N, C-alpha and C. Protein backbone atom coordinates (compact mmCIF):
# COMPACT_ATOMS: atom_id res chain seq x y z
N MET A 1 154.01 118.67 79.99
CA MET A 1 153.17 118.64 80.84
C MET A 1 153.55 117.08 81.86
N ASP A 2 153.27 117.54 83.28
CA ASP A 2 153.42 116.06 83.84
C ASP A 2 152.05 116.04 84.32
N ALA A 3 152.21 114.01 84.51
CA ALA A 3 150.72 113.69 84.88
C ALA A 3 151.01 112.85 86.47
N PHE A 4 150.41 112.74 87.22
CA PHE A 4 150.62 111.74 88.50
C PHE A 4 150.10 111.05 88.97
N VAL A 5 149.72 109.68 88.93
CA VAL A 5 148.74 108.48 89.33
C VAL A 5 148.98 108.25 90.68
N ASN A 6 147.90 108.29 91.76
CA ASN A 6 147.93 107.59 93.16
C ASN A 6 147.36 106.69 92.67
N VAL A 7 147.50 105.40 93.47
CA VAL A 7 146.65 104.24 93.40
C VAL A 7 147.15 103.81 94.81
N THR A 8 145.75 103.55 95.18
CA THR A 8 145.62 103.29 96.70
C THR A 8 144.11 102.22 96.44
N GLN A 9 143.89 101.31 98.07
CA GLN A 9 143.41 100.44 98.02
C GLN A 9 142.03 100.90 98.51
N TYR A 10 140.98 100.75 97.75
CA TYR A 10 139.92 101.37 98.86
C TYR A 10 139.50 100.45 99.72
N GLN A 11 139.25 101.47 100.82
CA GLN A 11 138.73 100.58 102.24
C GLN A 11 137.44 101.46 102.82
N PRO A 12 136.65 101.11 102.85
CA PRO A 12 135.19 102.04 103.20
C PRO A 12 135.43 101.85 104.75
N PHE A 13 134.56 103.13 105.57
CA PHE A 13 134.35 103.26 106.51
C PHE A 13 133.17 101.98 107.61
N ARG A 14 133.84 101.09 108.30
CA ARG A 14 132.70 100.19 108.48
C ARG A 14 132.40 100.61 110.06
N GLU A 15 131.30 100.80 110.21
CA GLU A 15 130.44 101.37 111.40
C GLU A 15 130.39 100.41 112.24
N GLY A 16 130.22 99.29 111.71
CA GLY A 16 129.66 97.91 112.86
C GLY A 16 128.34 97.96 113.09
N SER A 17 127.70 97.49 113.43
CA SER A 17 126.28 97.20 114.34
C SER A 17 126.07 97.76 115.02
N TYR A 18 126.64 98.37 115.99
CA TYR A 18 125.95 99.34 117.15
C TYR A 18 125.07 100.55 116.53
N MET A 19 124.23 100.21 117.83
CA MET A 19 123.46 101.47 117.45
C MET A 19 123.32 101.74 118.89
N PRO A 20 122.69 103.12 119.32
CA PRO A 20 122.46 103.52 120.34
C PRO A 20 120.68 103.16 120.50
N LEU A 21 120.49 103.40 122.06
CA LEU A 21 119.46 102.37 122.25
C LEU A 21 118.00 103.31 122.27
N PRO A 22 117.16 103.21 121.88
CA PRO A 22 116.00 104.37 121.73
C PRO A 22 116.00 104.83 123.57
N LYS A 23 115.32 106.47 123.43
CA LYS A 23 115.41 106.83 124.20
C LYS A 23 114.75 105.88 125.75
N ARG A 24 113.23 105.92 125.47
CA ARG A 24 112.82 104.99 126.25
C ARG A 24 113.30 103.99 127.15
N LEU A 25 113.98 102.92 126.22
CA LEU A 25 114.97 102.01 126.35
C LEU A 25 115.64 102.07 127.54
N GLN A 26 116.43 103.31 126.76
CA GLN A 26 117.81 103.68 127.55
C GLN A 26 117.33 104.30 129.60
N ASN A 27 116.35 104.44 129.42
CA ASN A 27 115.69 105.60 130.85
C ASN A 27 115.24 104.33 131.31
N LYS A 28 114.78 103.34 130.99
CA LYS A 28 114.68 101.85 131.93
C LYS A 28 115.64 100.99 132.41
N LYS A 29 117.20 101.78 132.32
CA LYS A 29 118.09 100.97 133.21
C LYS A 29 118.25 99.49 132.91
N ALA A 30 117.75 98.58 132.00
CA ALA A 30 117.16 96.91 131.80
C ALA A 30 118.44 96.87 131.19
N ILE A 31 119.27 97.21 130.34
CA ILE A 31 119.92 96.64 129.47
C ILE A 31 121.23 97.65 129.13
N ILE A 32 122.20 96.33 128.62
CA ILE A 32 123.41 96.42 128.19
C ILE A 32 123.59 96.83 127.22
N ASN A 33 124.46 97.72 126.20
CA ASN A 33 124.64 98.10 125.01
C ASN A 33 125.95 98.32 124.88
N VAL A 34 126.88 96.84 124.45
CA VAL A 34 127.98 97.11 124.36
C VAL A 34 128.44 97.80 122.92
N GLN A 35 129.43 98.84 122.96
CA GLN A 35 129.50 99.84 122.07
C GLN A 35 130.45 99.24 121.03
N ASN A 36 130.08 98.05 120.22
CA ASN A 36 131.13 97.18 119.60
C ASN A 36 131.17 97.94 117.99
N ARG A 37 132.65 98.02 117.65
CA ARG A 37 132.70 98.32 116.14
C ARG A 37 132.76 97.51 114.57
N ASP A 38 132.10 96.33 115.44
CA ASP A 38 132.41 95.18 114.62
C ASP A 38 131.04 95.13 114.33
N ASN A 39 130.76 93.66 113.69
CA ASN A 39 129.53 93.25 113.29
C ASN A 39 128.92 92.02 114.10
N GLN A 40 129.71 91.73 115.23
CA GLN A 40 129.54 90.75 116.26
C GLN A 40 129.00 91.05 117.20
N CYS A 41 127.94 92.15 117.64
CA CYS A 41 126.99 92.38 118.29
C CYS A 41 126.53 91.21 119.78
N LEU A 42 126.13 90.27 118.43
CA LEU A 42 125.53 88.87 119.25
C LEU A 42 126.55 88.38 120.12
N ARG A 43 127.46 88.01 119.87
CA ARG A 43 128.98 88.08 120.28
C ARG A 43 129.18 88.55 122.10
N TRP A 44 129.17 90.40 121.72
CA TRP A 44 129.78 90.72 122.82
C TRP A 44 128.28 91.00 123.66
N ALA A 45 126.66 90.64 123.38
CA ALA A 45 125.63 90.78 124.10
C ALA A 45 126.12 89.19 124.86
N LEU A 46 126.07 88.33 124.30
CA LEU A 46 126.43 86.86 125.23
C LEU A 46 127.38 87.21 126.46
N HIS A 47 128.75 87.72 125.42
CA HIS A 47 129.97 88.35 126.72
C HIS A 47 129.45 89.18 127.67
N MET A 48 128.34 89.84 127.25
CA MET A 48 128.07 90.44 129.03
C MET A 48 127.45 89.21 129.81
N ALA A 49 126.48 89.15 129.24
CA ALA A 49 125.59 87.72 129.78
C ALA A 49 126.74 86.84 130.79
N LEU A 50 127.46 86.34 130.02
CA LEU A 50 128.38 85.02 130.60
C LEU A 50 128.92 85.29 131.29
N PHE A 51 130.16 86.51 130.35
CA PHE A 51 131.40 86.72 131.05
C PHE A 51 131.35 88.40 131.46
N PRO A 52 130.95 88.83 132.57
CA PRO A 52 131.15 90.47 132.84
C PRO A 52 132.29 90.49 133.10
N PRO A 53 132.66 91.84 133.27
CA PRO A 53 134.12 91.98 133.55
C PRO A 53 134.08 92.26 135.11
N ILE A 54 135.11 91.75 135.49
CA ILE A 54 134.90 91.40 137.29
C ILE A 54 135.12 92.59 138.03
N ASP A 55 135.63 93.51 137.61
CA ASP A 55 135.61 95.04 137.98
C ASP A 55 134.01 95.54 137.78
N GLY A 56 133.40 95.04 137.16
CA GLY A 56 131.95 95.79 136.93
C GLY A 56 132.27 97.27 135.93
N MET A 57 133.09 97.65 135.86
CA MET A 57 133.88 98.90 134.89
C MET A 57 133.68 99.01 133.52
N ASN A 58 133.23 100.26 132.68
CA ASN A 58 133.53 100.15 131.01
C ASN A 58 132.24 98.83 130.90
N VAL A 59 131.40 98.40 131.29
CA VAL A 59 131.01 97.57 130.85
C VAL A 59 130.60 98.09 129.39
N LEU A 60 130.53 98.92 128.80
CA LEU A 60 129.89 99.54 127.31
C LEU A 60 130.93 98.69 126.24
N ARG A 61 132.44 98.65 126.95
CA ARG A 61 133.34 98.95 126.07
C ARG A 61 134.00 97.64 125.64
N PRO A 62 133.79 97.16 124.22
CA PRO A 62 134.35 95.47 124.18
C PRO A 62 135.33 94.59 124.74
N LEU A 63 136.72 95.88 124.63
CA LEU A 63 138.22 95.62 125.02
C LEU A 63 137.69 94.93 126.28
N ARG A 64 136.62 95.14 127.82
CA ARG A 64 136.63 94.54 128.62
C ARG A 64 136.23 93.02 128.68
N TYR A 65 135.95 92.49 127.90
CA TYR A 65 135.61 90.98 127.72
C TYR A 65 136.15 90.24 127.16
N LEU A 66 136.34 89.03 127.46
CA LEU A 66 137.26 88.07 126.93
C LEU A 66 136.88 87.87 125.86
N THR A 67 138.22 87.71 124.93
CA THR A 67 137.75 87.15 123.54
C THR A 67 138.38 85.62 122.97
N GLU A 68 138.75 85.08 123.88
CA GLU A 68 138.11 83.71 124.35
C GLU A 68 137.22 82.90 125.01
N ASP A 69 136.43 82.76 124.32
CA ASP A 69 135.32 82.22 125.15
C ASP A 69 134.78 81.38 125.35
N ARG A 70 135.12 80.51 124.30
CA ARG A 70 134.64 78.60 123.81
C ARG A 70 133.40 78.32 123.31
N LEU A 71 132.41 79.91 123.05
CA LEU A 71 131.29 79.96 122.29
C LEU A 71 131.68 78.89 120.92
N ASN A 72 130.88 78.15 120.28
CA ASN A 72 130.85 78.07 118.93
C ASN A 72 130.09 78.45 118.28
N PHE A 73 130.96 79.84 117.11
CA PHE A 73 130.06 80.22 116.19
C PHE A 73 130.13 79.70 114.63
N THR A 74 130.60 78.70 114.76
CA THR A 74 131.18 77.89 113.59
C THR A 74 129.34 78.15 112.89
N GLY A 75 129.90 78.80 111.33
CA GLY A 75 128.63 79.05 110.51
C GLY A 75 127.39 80.00 111.02
N ILE A 76 127.80 80.60 111.56
CA ILE A 76 127.10 81.63 112.28
C ILE A 76 126.91 83.06 111.75
N ASP A 77 126.59 83.54 111.13
CA ASP A 77 126.87 84.92 110.17
C ASP A 77 126.85 86.08 110.89
N PHE A 78 127.44 87.08 110.80
CA PHE A 78 127.39 88.45 111.48
C PHE A 78 127.07 89.34 110.76
N PRO A 79 126.69 90.06 110.91
CA PRO A 79 125.76 90.81 111.91
C PRO A 79 124.87 89.06 111.64
N THR A 80 123.77 88.90 112.87
CA THR A 80 123.94 87.23 113.21
C THR A 80 122.00 87.64 112.66
N PRO A 81 120.86 86.92 111.98
CA PRO A 81 119.85 86.84 111.94
C PRO A 81 119.11 86.21 113.13
N VAL A 82 118.44 86.63 113.52
CA VAL A 82 117.32 85.61 114.65
C VAL A 82 117.22 84.33 114.25
N SER A 83 116.92 83.40 112.94
CA SER A 83 116.73 82.45 112.66
C SER A 83 117.88 81.82 112.97
N GLN A 84 118.98 82.25 113.17
CA GLN A 84 120.19 81.52 113.28
C GLN A 84 120.64 81.39 114.88
N ILE A 85 119.48 81.52 115.72
CA ILE A 85 119.52 81.67 117.08
C ILE A 85 119.51 80.29 117.74
N LYS A 86 118.61 79.08 116.97
CA LYS A 86 118.55 78.11 117.07
C LYS A 86 119.75 77.33 116.61
N LYS A 87 120.49 77.53 115.74
CA LYS A 87 121.89 76.63 115.27
C LYS A 87 122.67 77.35 116.06
N LEU A 88 122.99 78.40 117.18
CA LEU A 88 123.82 78.78 118.15
C LEU A 88 123.76 77.72 119.19
N GLN A 89 122.40 78.01 119.80
CA GLN A 89 121.89 77.04 120.93
C GLN A 89 122.50 75.23 120.52
N LYS A 90 122.18 74.74 119.36
CA LYS A 90 122.30 73.70 119.27
C LYS A 90 124.02 73.34 119.37
N GLN A 91 125.14 74.65 118.90
CA GLN A 91 126.34 73.87 118.63
C GLN A 91 126.36 74.69 120.01
N ASN A 92 126.06 74.70 121.07
CA ASN A 92 126.48 75.79 122.32
C ASN A 92 125.31 75.19 123.57
N PRO A 93 125.28 73.57 123.65
CA PRO A 93 124.20 73.06 124.83
C PRO A 93 123.75 73.93 125.59
N ASN A 94 124.59 74.55 126.28
CA ASN A 94 124.48 75.32 127.62
C ASN A 94 124.12 76.63 127.57
N LEU A 95 123.67 77.23 126.10
CA LEU A 95 123.04 78.68 126.18
C LEU A 95 121.31 77.85 125.76
N ALA A 96 120.53 79.11 126.42
CA ALA A 96 119.11 78.92 125.91
C ALA A 96 118.99 80.59 126.02
N ILE A 97 118.69 80.88 124.76
CA ILE A 97 118.46 82.86 124.42
C ILE A 97 117.03 82.84 123.94
N ASN A 98 116.76 83.93 124.96
CA ASN A 98 115.05 85.08 124.29
C ASN A 98 116.05 85.60 123.78
N VAL A 99 114.74 86.14 122.57
CA VAL A 99 115.36 87.45 121.60
C VAL A 99 113.77 88.43 121.80
N PHE A 100 113.73 89.58 122.69
CA PHE A 100 113.24 90.50 122.67
C PHE A 100 113.31 91.31 121.78
N GLY A 101 112.32 92.66 121.19
CA GLY A 101 112.65 93.52 120.05
C GLY A 101 111.79 94.65 120.67
N TRP A 102 111.72 95.65 119.90
CA TRP A 102 111.52 97.22 120.67
C TRP A 102 110.82 97.63 118.81
N GLU A 103 109.23 97.72 119.32
CA GLU A 103 108.47 98.02 118.53
C GLU A 103 107.30 98.94 118.63
N ASP A 104 107.23 100.30 118.30
CA ASP A 104 105.91 101.24 118.58
C ASP A 104 105.94 101.33 119.96
N LYS A 105 106.95 101.43 120.79
CA LYS A 105 107.34 101.68 122.27
C LYS A 105 106.78 100.56 122.78
N CYS A 106 107.07 99.16 122.08
CA CYS A 106 106.21 97.92 122.81
C CYS A 106 107.24 97.20 123.05
N VAL A 107 107.51 95.91 123.82
CA VAL A 107 108.11 94.96 123.94
C VAL A 107 107.78 93.79 123.15
N ILE A 108 108.33 93.52 122.16
CA ILE A 108 107.83 92.29 121.15
C ILE A 108 108.68 90.87 121.92
N MET A 109 108.13 89.81 121.27
CA MET A 109 109.05 88.27 121.46
C MET A 109 109.25 88.19 119.87
N HIS A 110 110.57 88.16 119.53
CA HIS A 110 110.82 87.71 118.33
C HIS A 110 111.13 86.21 118.61
N ARG A 111 112.00 85.08 119.39
CA ARG A 111 112.46 84.36 119.56
C ARG A 111 111.94 83.83 121.31
N LEU A 112 111.80 82.73 121.59
CA LEU A 112 111.63 82.37 122.50
C LEU A 112 111.90 80.79 122.62
N SER A 113 112.97 80.84 123.57
CA SER A 113 114.13 79.18 123.63
C SER A 113 112.96 77.92 124.26
N GLU A 114 112.99 77.26 123.28
CA GLU A 114 112.06 76.06 123.66
C GLU A 114 112.78 75.02 124.68
N LYS A 115 114.83 75.40 125.32
CA LYS A 115 115.03 74.68 126.23
C LYS A 115 114.16 74.57 127.50
N ASP A 116 114.46 73.45 128.22
CA ASP A 116 113.73 73.35 129.74
C ASP A 116 114.54 74.43 130.68
N GLY A 117 114.05 74.44 131.67
CA GLY A 117 114.26 75.45 132.66
C GLY A 117 115.42 75.08 133.59
N SER A 118 115.99 74.01 133.24
CA SER A 118 117.91 73.61 133.88
C SER A 118 118.19 74.70 133.03
N HIS A 119 117.99 75.56 132.16
CA HIS A 119 119.24 75.86 131.16
C HIS A 119 118.91 77.93 131.88
N PRO A 120 119.80 78.01 132.44
CA PRO A 120 119.37 79.45 132.84
C PRO A 120 119.34 80.44 131.45
N ARG A 121 118.56 81.50 131.56
CA ARG A 121 117.83 82.12 130.54
C ARG A 121 119.17 83.63 129.93
N ILE A 122 119.29 83.28 129.02
CA ILE A 122 119.93 85.00 128.40
C ILE A 122 118.93 85.90 127.25
N ASN A 123 118.22 86.78 127.92
CA ASN A 123 117.60 87.40 127.65
C ASN A 123 118.29 88.51 126.58
N LEU A 124 117.75 88.76 125.41
CA LEU A 124 118.74 89.93 124.25
C LEU A 124 117.49 90.82 123.96
N MET A 125 117.82 92.03 123.47
CA MET A 125 117.02 93.11 122.66
C MET A 125 117.90 92.96 121.63
N LEU A 126 116.91 93.03 120.59
CA LEU A 126 117.55 93.44 119.19
C LEU A 126 116.58 94.67 118.64
N ILE A 127 117.34 95.51 118.72
CA ILE A 127 116.71 96.94 118.17
C ILE A 127 117.34 96.60 116.46
N GLN A 128 116.06 97.80 115.70
CA GLN A 128 116.62 97.33 114.68
C GLN A 128 116.27 99.12 113.80
N ASP A 129 116.66 99.46 112.78
CA ASP A 129 116.37 100.21 112.24
C ASP A 129 116.19 99.68 110.56
N LYS A 130 115.59 100.74 109.47
CA LYS A 130 115.58 100.22 108.49
C LYS A 130 116.83 100.00 108.09
N GLU A 131 118.33 100.00 108.34
CA GLU A 131 119.63 99.70 107.69
C GLU A 131 119.92 98.24 108.61
N LYS A 132 120.32 98.22 109.87
CA LYS A 132 121.23 97.57 110.64
C LYS A 132 119.76 97.50 111.70
N SER A 133 121.07 96.10 112.15
CA SER A 133 120.27 95.66 113.52
C SER A 133 120.89 95.26 114.69
N HIS A 134 120.96 95.50 115.87
CA HIS A 134 121.66 95.39 117.16
C HIS A 134 121.38 94.58 118.09
N TYR A 135 122.21 93.74 118.88
CA TYR A 135 121.75 92.71 120.21
C TYR A 135 122.25 93.67 120.86
N THR A 136 121.58 93.43 122.12
CA THR A 136 121.79 93.87 123.30
C THR A 136 121.66 93.05 124.36
N TYR A 137 122.15 93.37 125.68
CA TYR A 137 122.37 92.33 126.58
C TYR A 137 121.03 92.78 127.55
N VAL A 138 119.68 91.87 127.88
CA VAL A 138 118.97 92.28 128.94
C VAL A 138 119.33 91.83 130.37
N LYS A 139 119.67 93.15 131.39
CA LYS A 139 120.23 92.46 132.47
C LYS A 139 119.06 92.20 133.35
N ARG A 140 118.02 93.14 133.12
CA ARG A 140 117.19 92.83 134.57
C ARG A 140 115.46 93.30 133.21
N LEU A 141 115.08 92.14 133.13
CA LEU A 141 113.93 91.98 132.47
C LEU A 141 112.40 92.68 133.15
N SER A 142 112.64 92.38 134.70
CA SER A 142 111.25 92.74 135.12
C SER A 142 111.46 94.25 134.97
N ALA A 143 112.65 95.24 134.76
CA ALA A 143 112.45 96.78 134.35
C ALA A 143 112.29 96.88 133.09
N LEU A 144 112.71 95.86 132.35
CA LEU A 144 112.22 96.29 130.56
C LEU A 144 110.80 96.26 130.35
N LEU A 145 110.12 95.28 131.54
CA LEU A 145 108.78 94.99 130.82
C LEU A 145 107.56 95.76 132.29
N TYR A 146 108.66 96.11 132.94
CA TYR A 146 107.56 97.41 134.04
C TYR A 146 106.35 97.83 133.72
N ASP A 147 106.97 98.88 132.95
CA ASP A 147 105.80 99.83 132.23
C ASP A 147 104.85 99.10 131.04
N GLN A 148 104.76 98.23 130.35
CA GLN A 148 104.08 97.56 129.29
C GLN A 148 102.59 97.55 129.66
N ASN A 149 101.83 97.96 128.80
CA ASN A 149 100.20 98.32 129.06
C ASN A 149 100.40 96.22 128.96
N SER A 150 98.92 96.41 129.36
CA SER A 150 98.32 94.47 129.54
C SER A 150 97.11 94.08 128.47
N THR A 151 97.12 95.19 127.29
CA THR A 151 96.03 94.84 126.90
C THR A 151 96.69 93.06 126.09
N THR A 152 97.46 93.30 125.79
CA THR A 152 97.61 91.72 125.25
C THR A 152 98.87 91.26 126.52
N THR A 153 97.80 90.23 127.33
CA THR A 153 98.68 90.02 128.42
C THR A 153 98.89 88.45 128.36
N ALA A 154 100.31 88.09 128.67
CA ALA A 154 100.93 86.92 128.64
C ALA A 154 100.87 86.38 130.21
N ASN A 155 100.93 85.44 130.34
CA ASN A 155 101.70 84.77 131.70
C ASN A 155 102.72 83.70 131.12
N ILE A 156 103.83 83.73 131.82
CA ILE A 156 104.91 83.46 131.48
C ILE A 156 105.36 82.44 132.39
N SER A 157 106.03 81.38 132.24
CA SER A 157 106.32 80.48 133.56
C SER A 157 107.45 80.48 133.51
N ALA A 158 108.41 80.19 134.46
CA ALA A 158 110.05 80.11 134.38
C ALA A 158 110.57 79.02 133.44
N ASN A 159 109.89 77.94 133.40
CA ASN A 159 110.02 77.27 132.48
C ASN A 159 110.49 77.26 130.87
N ALA A 160 109.13 78.10 130.64
CA ALA A 160 109.20 78.48 129.33
C ALA A 160 109.72 79.68 128.54
N ALA A 161 109.94 80.90 129.92
CA ALA A 161 111.09 81.99 129.36
C ALA A 161 111.60 82.40 130.39
N CYS A 162 112.22 82.92 130.95
CA CYS A 162 113.33 83.96 131.86
C CYS A 162 113.21 84.20 132.95
N THR A 163 112.03 83.89 133.45
CA THR A 163 111.67 84.57 135.12
C THR A 163 110.97 83.64 136.14
N ASP A 164 111.34 83.80 137.28
CA ASP A 164 111.20 82.95 138.45
C ASP A 164 109.70 83.54 138.85
N THR A 165 108.84 84.48 137.93
CA THR A 165 107.53 85.43 137.98
C THR A 165 106.99 85.09 137.21
N LYS A 166 105.61 85.21 137.14
CA LYS A 166 104.81 85.61 136.05
C LYS A 166 104.65 86.78 135.64
N GLU A 167 105.44 87.07 134.43
CA GLU A 167 104.95 88.55 134.01
C GLU A 167 103.70 88.69 133.33
N ARG A 168 103.33 89.91 133.37
CA ARG A 168 102.11 90.86 132.52
C ARG A 168 103.05 91.75 131.35
N SER A 169 102.54 91.90 130.33
CA SER A 169 103.24 92.85 129.50
C SER A 169 102.35 92.72 128.06
N CYS A 170 102.54 93.56 127.02
CA CYS A 170 101.92 93.74 126.03
C CYS A 170 102.50 93.10 124.98
N TRP A 171 102.58 91.55 125.33
CA TRP A 171 103.60 91.27 124.19
C TRP A 171 102.70 91.29 123.03
N LYS A 172 103.72 91.22 122.13
CA LYS A 172 103.12 91.41 120.68
C LYS A 172 104.05 90.46 119.56
N ASP A 173 103.49 89.13 118.74
CA ASP A 173 104.26 88.30 118.37
C ASP A 173 104.65 89.04 117.49
N ALA A 174 106.07 89.24 116.79
CA ALA A 174 106.60 89.60 116.02
C ALA A 174 106.34 88.83 114.91
N ASP A 175 106.50 87.72 114.54
CA ASP A 175 106.21 87.10 113.62
C ASP A 175 105.82 85.74 114.27
N GLN A 176 104.62 85.31 114.01
CA GLN A 176 103.99 83.93 114.36
C GLN A 176 105.13 82.88 114.36
N ASN A 177 105.59 83.00 112.79
CA ASN A 177 106.52 81.18 112.79
C ASN A 177 107.61 81.50 113.52
N THR A 178 108.59 82.38 114.36
CA THR A 178 109.60 82.58 114.98
C THR A 178 109.55 82.08 116.71
N TRP A 179 108.31 81.69 117.11
CA TRP A 179 107.90 81.18 118.53
C TRP A 179 108.66 79.79 118.52
N GLY A 180 109.89 79.49 119.24
CA GLY A 180 110.70 78.45 119.71
C GLY A 180 111.22 78.38 118.78
N SER A 181 111.67 79.11 117.63
CA SER A 181 112.69 78.54 116.30
C SER A 181 113.57 78.64 117.04
């Protein structure tokens, strides 16, 4: 009787953090959702904001973006929890990052940058399910907030948030402790 033993290193399939947008968000045409295969969706969302492809083509593909961005991600985990955005901003003084979320068909605020209005705002949308989360770039904040109801109204100034005009929306604070953190 012959016996054969094959040995190989197990390499589980890594799907990365990419997630498709919920249909309602997708239909707003406000968000660019880079289809990354790694866990660095925050990096790709920031690339879209800071270094969009010159030709504007295939913006959903990571290979269209610079890989040498000179952003300092030292000590930042991938995937990145919202709690580390403050550290990322401190390491990259020209960044002012707001993080929105989507819950019950409503835009929520995970994080609002405390930096003054002289820093251009980068608006990100964090979409989540039970198993993972994924950062996307909000290209058109007004389109994102357009159909939000005003039961809970917030006027946001250009200095505190990211727009030149005051916005009305159904802002819900996802976590009272994350404002400005």
